[in-house]
Structures are given as C-alpha cells and as structure tokens.
C-alpha cells in the first residue's frame, strides 16, 4: 500500500469515527481521547439514589450496560410494578432522578469501551429489556459451561454479574477479575 493510500484510508477512518454517534455521545471527544483516566470498561455508578434504590435488591447495574431506549422502557412507574417478577416501589421523585441518571449514562452516551461495544451491538433491532439478552453479553459468556452458571447454586444466572465479576460494582468486567465460585462437591 502506498503512503497516499494509507493516508487516505486513515483519514476516511477518522472521519467515520469523528462524524458518527461515538463523537456525539459526549461533550468532548478530544478530552476523552487524551485522558489518562479513561477506562475500557463501563462507567461506575456515581448517583447515590440509583445506588440505594437499585442496589437494595440487586447489583446496581451500570447504565452503560444498556442503551438509553432500554432504560426508557425499564424505568417507568408502570414497568416497576412488574420489575422482572418483583414489585419495585420507588417514589416519583427518586424514579425521576434514577431515570435521568440512567438515560444520561446509558451505553449509547458513553465513551467507555465496553459500553461503546454494547451501544454498537444494540443500535438496531428490538429494544433489549435485560442485560442478559444482549448478543454482546451472550457472546462473551458462550464458552462458560452452563453447569458453572445456572447449575452453580452460588451463581444461578448470568444476571448475577457480581457473583463472578469481583469488581462489577466498580464497572470492571475484565476477564482478569473473574472468579467463578466453585461448584459444591457432589457425592
């Protein structure tokens, strides 16, 4: 490949990135790009109301694990009446704060690498209601035997992220932080 062809390819790639939703998701792409604090995972939850209200029942899943349209469907008073088989009661003021926080920090408004992957993978198609429905999540867990997840009393489901991802509450889902609880000894 000649120098001009390489330069042209690089410029086209840069234009695609700079003009796409990736750049529009945050106020400053340049600030993110040159930040030494940017992470490859998902933005940790920083809203106290979100942590308290959601974290009282389950891991307070980071908003960057789903696109905004998912949070838009999940975080309504009607949807919380049957929140995956449970009645999640949250007062209107707290729900408004949680909803605004989730929408502002959703996968499609984030520069965090794992969130970007989720945003791209969910850009088209039906609105996912569960993190475990994401093709991206299914694909990253496909080589784990079912016995280690659903057959493991300490885990039970892919929705129990924090059972294996030891730093899930910090937004870190890296393979280096995974410890799958041992199966109980069988007679």
N, C-alpha and C. Protein backbone atom coordinates (compact mmCIF):
# COMPACT_ATOMS: atom_id res chain seq x y z
N UNK A 1 0.85 -1.17 0.00
CA UNK A 1 0.00 0.00 0.00
C UNK A 1 0.90 1.24 0.00
N UNK A 2 0.59 2.19 -0.81
CA UNK A 2 1.40 3.40 -0.91
C UNK A 2 1.09 4.33 0.25
N UNK A 3 1.96 5.29 0.45
CA UNK A 3 1.78 6.27 1.52
C UNK A 3 0.46 7.02 1.35
N UNK A 4 0.13 7.45 0.12
CA UNK A 4 -1.11 8.19 -0.13
C UNK A 4 -2.34 7.33 0.17
N UNK A 5 -2.29 6.06 -0.21
CA UNK A 5 -3.42 5.17 0.06
C UNK A 5 -3.58 4.97 1.56
N UNK A 6 -2.48 4.83 2.27
CA UNK A 6 -2.53 4.66 3.72
C UNK A 6 -3.09 5.92 4.37
N UNK A 7 -2.63 7.07 3.94
CA UNK A 7 -3.11 8.34 4.47
C UNK A 7 -4.61 8.50 4.20
N UNK A 8 -5.04 8.19 2.98
CA UNK A 8 -6.44 8.30 2.60
C UNK A 8 -7.30 7.37 3.47
N UNK A 9 -6.85 6.15 3.67
CA UNK A 9 -7.59 5.19 4.49
C UNK A 9 -7.69 5.69 5.93
N UNK A 10 -6.60 6.22 6.46
CA UNK A 10 -6.61 6.76 7.81
C UNK A 10 -7.55 7.93 7.96
N UNK A 11 -7.56 8.82 6.98
CA UNK A 11 -8.45 9.98 7.04
C UNK A 11 -9.92 9.57 6.95
N UNK A 12 -10.21 8.62 6.09
CA UNK A 12 -11.59 8.14 5.98
C UNK A 12 -12.03 7.51 7.29
N UNK A 13 -11.16 6.70 7.88
CA UNK A 13 -11.48 6.09 9.18
C UNK A 13 -11.71 7.13 10.24
N UNK A 14 -10.87 8.15 10.29
CA UNK A 14 -11.02 9.22 11.28
C UNK A 14 -12.32 9.97 11.07
N UNK A 15 -12.67 10.24 9.83
CA UNK A 15 -13.93 10.94 9.55
C UNK A 15 -15.14 10.12 9.97
N UNK A 16 -15.07 8.82 9.74
CA UNK A 16 -16.17 7.96 10.15
C UNK A 16 -16.36 7.98 11.66
N UNK A 17 -15.27 7.91 12.38
CA UNK A 17 -15.34 7.94 13.84
C UNK A 17 -15.78 9.31 14.33
N UNK A 18 -15.17 10.35 13.79
CA UNK A 18 -15.46 11.71 14.25
C UNK A 18 -16.89 12.15 13.91
N UNK A 19 -17.44 11.63 12.84
CA UNK A 19 -18.76 12.06 12.43
C UNK A 19 -19.88 11.18 12.95
N UNK A 20 -19.53 10.09 13.56
CA UNK A 20 -20.54 9.13 14.00
C UNK A 20 -21.10 9.43 15.37
N UNK A 21 -22.00 8.58 15.83
CA UNK A 21 -22.61 8.76 17.14
C UNK A 21 -21.59 8.66 18.26
N UNK A 22 -20.46 8.03 18.00
CA UNK A 22 -19.41 7.91 19.01
C UNK A 22 -19.00 9.28 19.52
N UNK A 23 -18.82 10.23 18.61
CA UNK A 23 -18.39 11.57 18.99
C UNK A 23 -19.55 12.35 19.59
N UNK A 24 -20.73 12.13 19.10
CA UNK A 24 -21.88 12.88 19.56
C UNK A 24 -22.32 12.48 20.97
N UNK A 25 -21.80 11.35 21.47
CA UNK A 25 -22.24 10.84 22.76
C UNK A 25 -21.73 11.66 23.94
N UNK A 26 -20.62 12.35 23.80
CA UNK A 26 -20.04 13.11 24.89
C UNK A 26 -19.76 14.53 24.43
N UNK A 27 -19.54 15.40 25.39
CA UNK A 27 -19.25 16.78 25.06
C UNK A 27 -17.88 16.95 24.42
N UNK A 28 -16.89 16.17 24.84
CA UNK A 28 -15.54 16.37 24.36
C UNK A 28 -14.86 15.06 24.03
N UNK A 29 -14.85 14.71 22.77
CA UNK A 29 -14.14 13.50 22.33
C UNK A 29 -12.65 13.66 22.58
N UNK A 30 -12.13 14.84 22.30
CA UNK A 30 -10.71 15.10 22.48
C UNK A 30 -10.33 14.95 23.95
N UNK A 31 -11.17 15.47 24.83
CA UNK A 31 -10.91 15.32 26.27
C UNK A 31 -10.87 13.87 26.68
N UNK A 32 -11.77 13.08 26.15
CA UNK A 32 -11.78 11.65 26.46
C UNK A 32 -10.56 10.97 25.86
N UNK A 33 -10.27 11.28 24.61
CA UNK A 33 -9.18 10.62 23.89
C UNK A 33 -7.84 10.79 24.59
N UNK A 34 -7.59 11.99 25.12
CA UNK A 34 -6.30 12.27 25.73
C UNK A 34 -6.32 12.16 27.25
N UNK A 35 -7.37 11.62 27.80
CA UNK A 35 -7.45 11.43 29.24
C UNK A 35 -6.75 10.15 29.65
N UNK A 36 -5.93 10.25 30.67
CA UNK A 36 -5.25 9.05 31.18
C UNK A 36 -6.18 8.25 32.09
N UNK A 37 -7.34 8.82 32.42
CA UNK A 37 -8.27 8.15 33.31
C UNK A 37 -9.37 7.40 32.57
N UNK A 38 -9.38 7.46 31.24
CA UNK A 38 -10.44 6.76 30.52
C UNK A 38 -10.30 5.28 30.77
N UNK A 39 -11.43 4.62 30.79
CA UNK A 39 -11.42 3.20 31.11
C UNK A 39 -11.95 2.39 29.94
N UNK A 40 -11.60 1.14 29.92
CA UNK A 40 -12.08 0.26 28.87
C UNK A 40 -13.36 -0.45 29.28
N UNK A 41 -13.81 -0.25 30.47
CA UNK A 41 -14.96 -0.98 30.98
C UNK A 41 -16.25 -0.17 30.85
N UNK A 42 -16.99 -0.02 31.94
CA UNK A 42 -18.20 0.82 31.96
C UNK A 42 -18.07 1.81 33.10
N UNK A 43 -18.71 2.94 32.92
CA UNK A 43 -18.66 4.00 33.92
C UNK A 43 -19.30 3.50 35.22
N UNK A 44 -18.59 3.55 36.35
CA UNK A 44 -19.19 3.08 37.61
C UNK A 44 -20.36 3.98 38.02
N UNK A 45 -21.27 3.43 38.76
CA UNK A 45 -22.44 4.18 39.23
C UNK A 45 -21.96 5.22 40.24
N UNK A 46 -22.38 6.46 40.03
CA UNK A 46 -21.98 7.55 40.92
C UNK A 46 -23.16 8.29 41.54
N UNK A 47 -24.37 7.85 41.25
CA UNK A 47 -25.56 8.52 41.79
C UNK A 47 -26.03 7.77 43.03
N UNK A 48 -26.08 8.48 44.16
CA UNK A 48 -26.43 7.86 45.45
C UNK A 48 -27.85 7.28 45.45
N UNK A 49 -28.78 7.98 44.84
CA UNK A 49 -30.17 7.48 44.80
C UNK A 49 -30.25 6.21 43.97
N UNK A 50 -29.59 6.18 42.85
CA UNK A 50 -29.55 4.99 41.99
C UNK A 50 -28.95 3.82 42.76
N UNK A 51 -27.81 4.07 43.40
CA UNK A 51 -27.15 3.02 44.19
C UNK A 51 -28.06 2.48 45.29
N UNK A 52 -28.70 3.36 46.01
CA UNK A 52 -29.56 2.96 47.13
C UNK A 52 -30.80 2.22 46.65
N UNK A 53 -31.53 2.82 45.73
CA UNK A 53 -32.82 2.24 45.33
C UNK A 53 -32.65 0.96 44.52
N UNK A 54 -31.70 0.92 43.61
CA UNK A 54 -31.50 -0.27 42.78
C UNK A 54 -30.64 -1.30 43.50
N UNK A 55 -29.63 -0.82 44.21
CA UNK A 55 -28.70 -1.71 44.88
C UNK A 55 -29.25 -2.39 46.11
N UNK A 56 -30.40 -1.96 46.62
CA UNK A 56 -31.01 -2.64 47.77
C UNK A 56 -31.51 -4.03 47.40
N UNK A 57 -31.83 -4.25 46.13
CA UNK A 57 -32.39 -5.55 45.70
C UNK A 57 -31.40 -6.38 44.87
N UNK A 58 -30.55 -5.72 44.13
CA UNK A 58 -29.62 -6.44 43.26
C UNK A 58 -28.42 -5.53 42.97
N UNK A 59 -27.46 -6.03 42.25
CA UNK A 59 -26.35 -5.19 41.82
C UNK A 59 -26.93 -3.97 41.11
N UNK A 60 -26.47 -2.80 41.46
CA UNK A 60 -26.90 -1.59 40.77
C UNK A 60 -26.18 -1.56 39.43
N UNK A 61 -26.80 -2.20 38.44
CA UNK A 61 -26.19 -2.31 37.12
C UNK A 61 -25.86 -0.94 36.57
N UNK A 62 -24.68 -0.79 36.04
CA UNK A 62 -24.27 0.48 35.47
C UNK A 62 -25.15 0.79 34.26
N UNK A 63 -25.61 2.03 34.13
CA UNK A 63 -26.42 2.41 32.97
C UNK A 63 -25.73 2.12 31.64
N UNK A 64 -24.41 2.10 31.62
CA UNK A 64 -23.66 1.83 30.41
C UNK A 64 -23.77 0.40 29.91
N UNK A 65 -24.51 -0.43 30.61
CA UNK A 65 -24.72 -1.81 30.17
C UNK A 65 -25.94 -1.97 29.26
N UNK A 66 -26.71 -0.92 29.09
CA UNK A 66 -27.87 -0.94 28.20
C UNK A 66 -27.98 0.40 27.47
N UNK A 67 -28.58 0.40 26.29
CA UNK A 67 -28.80 1.68 25.59
C UNK A 67 -29.90 2.49 26.28
N UNK A 68 -29.94 3.76 25.98
CA UNK A 68 -30.92 4.66 26.60
C UNK A 68 -32.36 4.19 26.36
N UNK A 69 -32.63 3.67 25.17
CA UNK A 69 -34.02 3.26 24.90
C UNK A 69 -34.46 2.12 25.81
N UNK A 70 -33.52 1.31 26.29
CA UNK A 70 -33.85 0.25 27.25
C UNK A 70 -34.22 0.86 28.60
N UNK A 71 -33.40 1.79 29.07
CA UNK A 71 -33.70 2.43 30.35
C UNK A 71 -35.01 3.22 30.27
N UNK A 72 -35.30 3.76 29.09
CA UNK A 72 -36.53 4.50 28.89
C UNK A 72 -37.75 3.59 29.11
N UNK A 73 -37.64 2.35 28.71
CA UNK A 73 -38.72 1.37 28.88
C UNK A 73 -38.75 0.83 30.31
N UNK A 74 -37.59 0.55 30.88
CA UNK A 74 -37.49 -0.11 32.18
C UNK A 74 -37.81 0.80 33.36
N UNK A 75 -37.52 2.08 33.23
CA UNK A 75 -37.64 2.97 34.37
C UNK A 75 -38.86 3.87 34.28
N UNK A 76 -40.02 3.22 34.29
CA UNK A 76 -41.30 3.93 34.39
C UNK A 76 -42.04 3.33 35.58
N UNK A 77 -42.96 4.08 36.11
CA UNK A 77 -43.74 3.58 37.25
C UNK A 77 -44.47 2.29 36.88
N UNK A 78 -45.00 2.23 35.66
CA UNK A 78 -45.73 1.04 35.22
C UNK A 78 -44.80 -0.17 35.12
N UNK A 79 -43.61 0.03 34.55
CA UNK A 79 -42.66 -1.08 34.39
C UNK A 79 -42.19 -1.59 35.74
N UNK A 80 -42.07 -0.72 36.72
CA UNK A 80 -41.59 -1.14 38.04
C UNK A 80 -42.61 -1.96 38.82
N UNK A 81 -43.88 -1.91 38.39
CA UNK A 81 -44.90 -2.75 39.05
C UNK A 81 -44.62 -4.23 38.80
N UNK A 82 -44.04 -4.54 37.66
CA UNK A 82 -43.61 -5.91 37.38
C UNK A 82 -42.17 -5.85 36.89
N UNK A 83 -41.27 -5.63 37.81
CA UNK A 83 -39.86 -5.49 37.51
C UNK A 83 -39.20 -6.87 37.60
N UNK A 84 -39.30 -7.60 36.49
CA UNK A 84 -38.74 -8.95 36.39
C UNK A 84 -39.29 -9.86 37.49
N UNK A 85 -40.61 -9.78 37.66
CA UNK A 85 -41.28 -10.66 38.61
C UNK A 85 -41.42 -10.08 40.01
N UNK A 86 -40.89 -8.90 40.25
CA UNK A 86 -41.00 -8.27 41.57
C UNK A 86 -41.65 -6.90 41.42
N UNK A 87 -42.25 -6.44 42.51
CA UNK A 87 -42.81 -5.09 42.52
C UNK A 87 -41.77 -4.16 43.12
N UNK A 88 -41.15 -3.34 42.29
CA UNK A 88 -40.13 -2.41 42.74
C UNK A 88 -40.78 -1.05 42.97
N UNK A 89 -40.96 -0.71 44.21
CA UNK A 89 -41.64 0.54 44.54
C UNK A 89 -40.62 1.64 44.80
N UNK A 90 -40.72 2.69 44.01
CA UNK A 90 -39.83 3.84 44.13
C UNK A 90 -40.69 5.09 44.03
N UNK A 91 -40.48 6.05 44.94
CA UNK A 91 -41.31 7.26 44.87
C UNK A 91 -40.99 8.04 43.60
N UNK A 92 -41.91 8.86 43.18
CA UNK A 92 -41.83 9.55 41.89
C UNK A 92 -40.57 10.41 41.76
N UNK A 93 -40.20 11.10 42.82
CA UNK A 93 -39.02 11.96 42.77
C UNK A 93 -37.75 11.13 42.56
N UNK A 94 -37.62 10.04 43.30
CA UNK A 94 -36.44 9.16 43.16
C UNK A 94 -36.42 8.52 41.78
N UNK A 95 -37.59 8.10 41.30
CA UNK A 95 -37.66 7.49 39.97
C UNK A 95 -37.23 8.47 38.89
N UNK A 96 -37.66 9.72 39.00
CA UNK A 96 -37.26 10.73 38.02
C UNK A 96 -35.74 10.93 38.04
N UNK A 97 -35.15 10.94 39.23
CA UNK A 97 -33.70 11.11 39.34
C UNK A 97 -32.96 9.90 38.77
N UNK A 98 -33.44 8.70 39.09
CA UNK A 98 -32.82 7.47 38.60
C UNK A 98 -32.92 7.39 37.09
N UNK A 99 -34.08 7.70 36.58
CA UNK A 99 -34.32 7.66 35.13
C UNK A 99 -33.41 8.65 34.40
N UNK A 100 -33.34 9.87 34.89
CA UNK A 100 -32.49 10.89 34.26
C UNK A 100 -31.03 10.45 34.30
N UNK A 101 -30.60 9.88 35.42
CA UNK A 101 -29.22 9.42 35.55
C UNK A 101 -28.93 8.27 34.57
N UNK A 102 -29.83 7.30 34.49
CA UNK A 102 -29.63 6.16 33.60
C UNK A 102 -29.61 6.60 32.14
N UNK A 103 -30.51 7.47 31.76
CA UNK A 103 -30.55 7.94 30.37
C UNK A 103 -29.28 8.73 30.02
N UNK A 104 -28.80 9.53 30.94
CA UNK A 104 -27.61 10.34 30.68
C UNK A 104 -26.33 9.51 30.65
N UNK A 105 -26.36 8.32 31.23
CA UNK A 105 -25.16 7.49 31.33
C UNK A 105 -25.29 6.16 30.61
N UNK A 106 -26.26 6.05 29.73
CA UNK A 106 -26.51 4.80 29.00
C UNK A 106 -25.36 4.48 28.06
N UNK A 107 -25.36 3.26 27.56
CA UNK A 107 -24.29 2.78 26.68
C UNK A 107 -24.08 3.69 25.48
N UNK A 108 -25.16 4.17 24.89
CA UNK A 108 -25.04 4.98 23.68
C UNK A 108 -24.70 6.44 23.96
N UNK A 109 -24.44 6.79 25.22
CA UNK A 109 -23.99 8.14 25.55
C UNK A 109 -22.65 8.09 26.27
N UNK A 110 -21.95 6.97 26.16
CA UNK A 110 -20.71 6.76 26.90
C UNK A 110 -19.52 6.54 25.97
N UNK A 111 -18.34 6.93 26.45
CA UNK A 111 -17.10 6.64 25.74
C UNK A 111 -16.39 5.43 26.32
N UNK A 112 -16.89 4.86 27.38
CA UNK A 112 -16.25 3.70 27.96
C UNK A 112 -16.33 2.55 26.95
N UNK A 113 -15.23 1.86 26.78
CA UNK A 113 -15.09 0.90 25.68
C UNK A 113 -16.16 -0.19 25.68
N UNK A 114 -16.41 -0.81 26.82
CA UNK A 114 -17.40 -1.89 26.85
C UNK A 114 -18.80 -1.33 26.56
N UNK A 115 -19.09 -0.16 27.06
CA UNK A 115 -20.37 0.48 26.77
C UNK A 115 -20.52 0.78 25.29
N UNK A 116 -19.44 1.24 24.66
CA UNK A 116 -19.47 1.51 23.21
C UNK A 116 -19.77 0.24 22.44
N UNK A 117 -19.16 -0.89 22.85
CA UNK A 117 -19.43 -2.15 22.18
C UNK A 117 -20.90 -2.53 22.31
N UNK A 118 -21.46 -2.32 23.48
CA UNK A 118 -22.88 -2.60 23.70
C UNK A 118 -23.74 -1.67 22.85
N UNK A 119 -23.38 -0.39 22.80
CA UNK A 119 -24.14 0.58 22.01
C UNK A 119 -24.17 0.20 20.54
N UNK A 120 -23.02 -0.18 20.02
CA UNK A 120 -22.94 -0.57 18.60
C UNK A 120 -23.76 -1.83 18.36
N UNK A 121 -23.66 -2.79 19.27
CA UNK A 121 -24.37 -4.07 19.10
C UNK A 121 -25.88 -3.93 19.25
N UNK A 122 -26.34 -2.86 19.90
CA UNK A 122 -27.79 -2.67 20.11
C UNK A 122 -28.35 -1.50 19.31
N UNK A 123 -27.57 -0.97 18.39
CA UNK A 123 -28.00 0.21 17.63
C UNK A 123 -29.25 -0.06 16.79
N UNK A 124 -29.41 -1.29 16.35
CA UNK A 124 -30.60 -1.66 15.57
C UNK A 124 -31.24 -2.87 16.24
N UNK A 125 -32.42 -3.17 15.82
CA UNK A 125 -33.11 -4.33 16.37
C UNK A 125 -34.01 -3.96 17.53
N UNK A 126 -34.59 -4.98 18.14
CA UNK A 126 -35.53 -4.72 19.25
C UNK A 126 -34.82 -4.12 20.46
N UNK A 127 -35.58 -3.43 21.27
CA UNK A 127 -35.05 -2.83 22.49
C UNK A 127 -34.83 -3.92 23.54
N UNK A 128 -33.59 -4.11 23.97
CA UNK A 128 -33.35 -5.14 24.99
C UNK A 128 -33.89 -4.70 26.35
N UNK A 129 -34.54 -5.62 27.05
CA UNK A 129 -35.05 -5.33 28.39
C UNK A 129 -34.14 -5.89 29.47
N UNK A 130 -33.28 -6.82 29.10
CA UNK A 130 -32.37 -7.44 30.06
C UNK A 130 -30.95 -7.37 29.53
N UNK A 131 -30.02 -7.18 30.42
CA UNK A 131 -28.61 -7.18 30.05
C UNK A 131 -28.24 -8.55 29.50
N UNK A 132 -28.82 -9.59 30.07
CA UNK A 132 -28.51 -10.95 29.62
C UNK A 132 -29.05 -11.25 28.22
N UNK A 133 -29.92 -10.39 27.68
CA UNK A 133 -30.44 -10.56 26.32
C UNK A 133 -29.49 -10.03 25.27
N UNK A 134 -28.50 -9.29 25.68
CA UNK A 134 -27.59 -8.67 24.72
C UNK A 134 -26.73 -9.72 24.04
N UNK A 135 -26.66 -9.64 22.72
CA UNK A 135 -25.81 -10.56 21.95
C UNK A 135 -24.37 -10.44 22.43
N UNK A 136 -23.94 -9.23 22.71
CA UNK A 136 -22.58 -8.99 23.18
C UNK A 136 -22.31 -9.79 24.47
N UNK A 137 -23.23 -9.76 25.41
CA UNK A 137 -23.06 -10.47 26.69
C UNK A 137 -23.09 -11.98 26.45
N UNK A 138 -24.04 -12.44 25.65
CA UNK A 138 -24.11 -13.87 25.35
C UNK A 138 -22.84 -14.35 24.68
N UNK A 139 -22.32 -13.57 23.76
CA UNK A 139 -21.11 -13.95 23.04
C UNK A 139 -19.90 -14.01 23.97
N UNK A 140 -19.79 -13.08 24.90
CA UNK A 140 -18.63 -13.08 25.79
C UNK A 140 -18.69 -14.19 26.84
N UNK A 141 -19.87 -14.77 27.02
CA UNK A 141 -20.03 -15.85 28.01
C UNK A 141 -20.25 -17.21 27.36
N UNK A 142 -20.19 -17.31 26.06
CA UNK A 142 -20.57 -18.54 25.35
C UNK A 142 -19.70 -19.75 25.67
N UNK A 143 -18.47 -19.54 26.09
CA UNK A 143 -17.59 -20.68 26.36
C UNK A 143 -17.63 -21.14 27.81
N UNK A 144 -18.49 -20.55 28.61
CA UNK A 144 -18.61 -20.97 30.01
C UNK A 144 -19.69 -22.04 30.09
N UNK A 145 -19.36 -23.22 30.58
CA UNK A 145 -20.36 -24.29 30.67
C UNK A 145 -21.54 -23.89 31.55
N UNK A 146 -22.73 -24.28 31.14
CA UNK A 146 -23.95 -23.95 31.89
C UNK A 146 -23.86 -24.41 33.34
N UNK A 147 -23.17 -25.51 33.59
CA UNK A 147 -23.03 -26.02 34.96
C UNK A 147 -22.34 -25.00 35.87
N UNK A 148 -21.50 -24.15 35.31
CA UNK A 148 -20.82 -23.16 36.12
C UNK A 148 -21.66 -21.91 36.35
N UNK A 149 -22.76 -21.79 35.62
CA UNK A 149 -23.63 -20.63 35.80
C UNK A 149 -24.96 -21.08 36.39
N UNK A 150 -25.86 -21.58 35.56
CA UNK A 150 -27.18 -21.98 36.05
C UNK A 150 -27.12 -23.21 36.95
N UNK A 151 -26.15 -24.07 36.74
CA UNK A 151 -26.00 -25.25 37.58
C UNK A 151 -25.21 -24.99 38.84
N UNK A 152 -24.80 -23.76 39.05
CA UNK A 152 -23.99 -23.38 40.20
C UNK A 152 -24.86 -22.60 41.18
N UNK A 153 -25.13 -23.18 42.34
CA UNK A 153 -26.02 -22.54 43.32
C UNK A 153 -25.51 -21.17 43.77
N UNK A 154 -24.22 -20.93 43.67
CA UNK A 154 -23.66 -19.63 44.07
C UNK A 154 -23.83 -18.57 43.00
N UNK A 155 -24.15 -18.98 41.77
CA UNK A 155 -24.30 -18.03 40.67
C UNK A 155 -25.74 -17.97 40.19
N UNK A 156 -26.28 -19.08 39.71
CA UNK A 156 -27.66 -19.27 39.27
C UNK A 156 -28.03 -18.66 37.92
N UNK A 157 -27.45 -17.51 37.56
CA UNK A 157 -27.87 -16.83 36.33
C UNK A 157 -26.81 -15.85 35.87
N UNK A 158 -26.79 -15.58 34.57
CA UNK A 158 -25.90 -14.54 34.05
C UNK A 158 -26.24 -13.17 34.63
N UNK A 159 -27.45 -13.00 35.12
CA UNK A 159 -27.85 -11.71 35.68
C UNK A 159 -27.16 -11.42 37.01
N UNK A 160 -26.54 -12.40 37.59
CA UNK A 160 -25.82 -12.23 38.86
C UNK A 160 -24.35 -11.88 38.58
N UNK A 161 -24.13 -10.82 37.86
CA UNK A 161 -22.79 -10.44 37.41
C UNK A 161 -21.76 -10.43 38.53
N UNK A 162 -22.15 -9.89 39.68
CA UNK A 162 -21.21 -9.73 40.78
C UNK A 162 -20.82 -11.04 41.46
N UNK A 163 -21.46 -12.13 41.11
CA UNK A 163 -21.08 -13.42 41.68
C UNK A 163 -19.76 -13.91 41.12
N UNK A 164 -19.44 -13.54 39.88
CA UNK A 164 -18.18 -13.96 39.24
C UNK A 164 -17.25 -12.78 38.95
N UNK A 165 -17.84 -11.66 38.57
CA UNK A 165 -17.04 -10.47 38.27
C UNK A 165 -16.81 -9.73 39.59
N UNK A 166 -15.65 -9.96 40.17
CA UNK A 166 -15.38 -9.48 41.53
C UNK A 166 -15.35 -7.96 41.66
N UNK A 167 -15.23 -7.25 40.55
CA UNK A 167 -15.23 -5.79 40.60
C UNK A 167 -16.38 -5.19 39.81
N UNK A 168 -17.45 -5.95 39.65
CA UNK A 168 -18.61 -5.49 38.89
C UNK A 168 -19.19 -4.19 39.45
N UNK A 169 -19.21 -4.06 40.75
CA UNK A 169 -19.78 -2.84 41.34
C UNK A 169 -18.98 -1.59 40.97
N UNK A 170 -17.73 -1.77 40.55
CA UNK A 170 -16.88 -0.65 40.12
C UNK A 170 -16.91 -0.48 38.61
N UNK A 171 -17.74 -1.27 37.91
CA UNK A 171 -17.85 -1.16 36.46
C UNK A 171 -16.75 -1.91 35.72
N UNK A 172 -16.08 -2.82 36.41
CA UNK A 172 -14.98 -3.57 35.80
C UNK A 172 -15.43 -5.01 35.59
N UNK A 173 -15.46 -5.41 34.32
CA UNK A 173 -15.90 -6.75 33.95
C UNK A 173 -14.80 -7.50 33.20
N UNK A 174 -13.58 -7.06 33.36
CA UNK A 174 -12.43 -7.64 32.70
C UNK A 174 -12.25 -9.11 33.11
N UNK A 175 -11.78 -9.92 32.18
CA UNK A 175 -11.56 -11.34 32.47
C UNK A 175 -10.60 -11.57 33.63
N UNK A 176 -9.70 -10.64 33.85
CA UNK A 176 -8.74 -10.79 34.95
C UNK A 176 -9.39 -10.68 36.32
N UNK A 177 -10.61 -10.19 36.38
CA UNK A 177 -11.29 -10.03 37.67
C UNK A 177 -12.37 -11.08 37.88
N UNK A 178 -12.42 -12.09 37.02
CA UNK A 178 -13.45 -13.13 37.12
C UNK A 178 -12.98 -14.28 38.00
N UNK A 179 -13.83 -14.61 38.96
CA UNK A 179 -13.61 -15.80 39.79
C UNK A 179 -14.97 -16.49 39.88
N UNK A 180 -15.10 -17.61 39.19
CA UNK A 180 -16.36 -18.36 39.23
C UNK A 180 -16.38 -19.20 40.50
N UNK A 181 -17.40 -19.00 41.32
CA UNK A 181 -17.47 -19.79 42.56
C UNK A 181 -17.46 -21.29 42.23
N UNK A 182 -16.79 -22.03 43.08
CA UNK A 182 -16.68 -23.47 42.86
C UNK A 182 -18.03 -24.13 43.07
N UNK A 183 -18.24 -25.14 42.26
CA UNK A 183 -19.44 -25.94 42.45
C UNK A 183 -19.30 -26.75 43.73
N UNK A 184 -20.41 -26.95 44.41
CA UNK A 184 -20.39 -27.77 45.62
C UNK A 184 -19.94 -29.18 45.25
N UNK A 185 -19.19 -29.78 46.15
CA UNK A 185 -18.75 -31.17 45.90
C UNK A 185 -19.98 -32.07 45.76
N UNK A 186 -19.89 -32.92 44.79
CA UNK A 186 -21.02 -33.81 44.54
C UNK A 186 -20.68 -35.20 45.05
N UNK A 187 -21.66 -35.88 45.67
CA UNK A 187 -21.40 -37.23 46.18
C UNK A 187 -21.19 -38.24 45.09
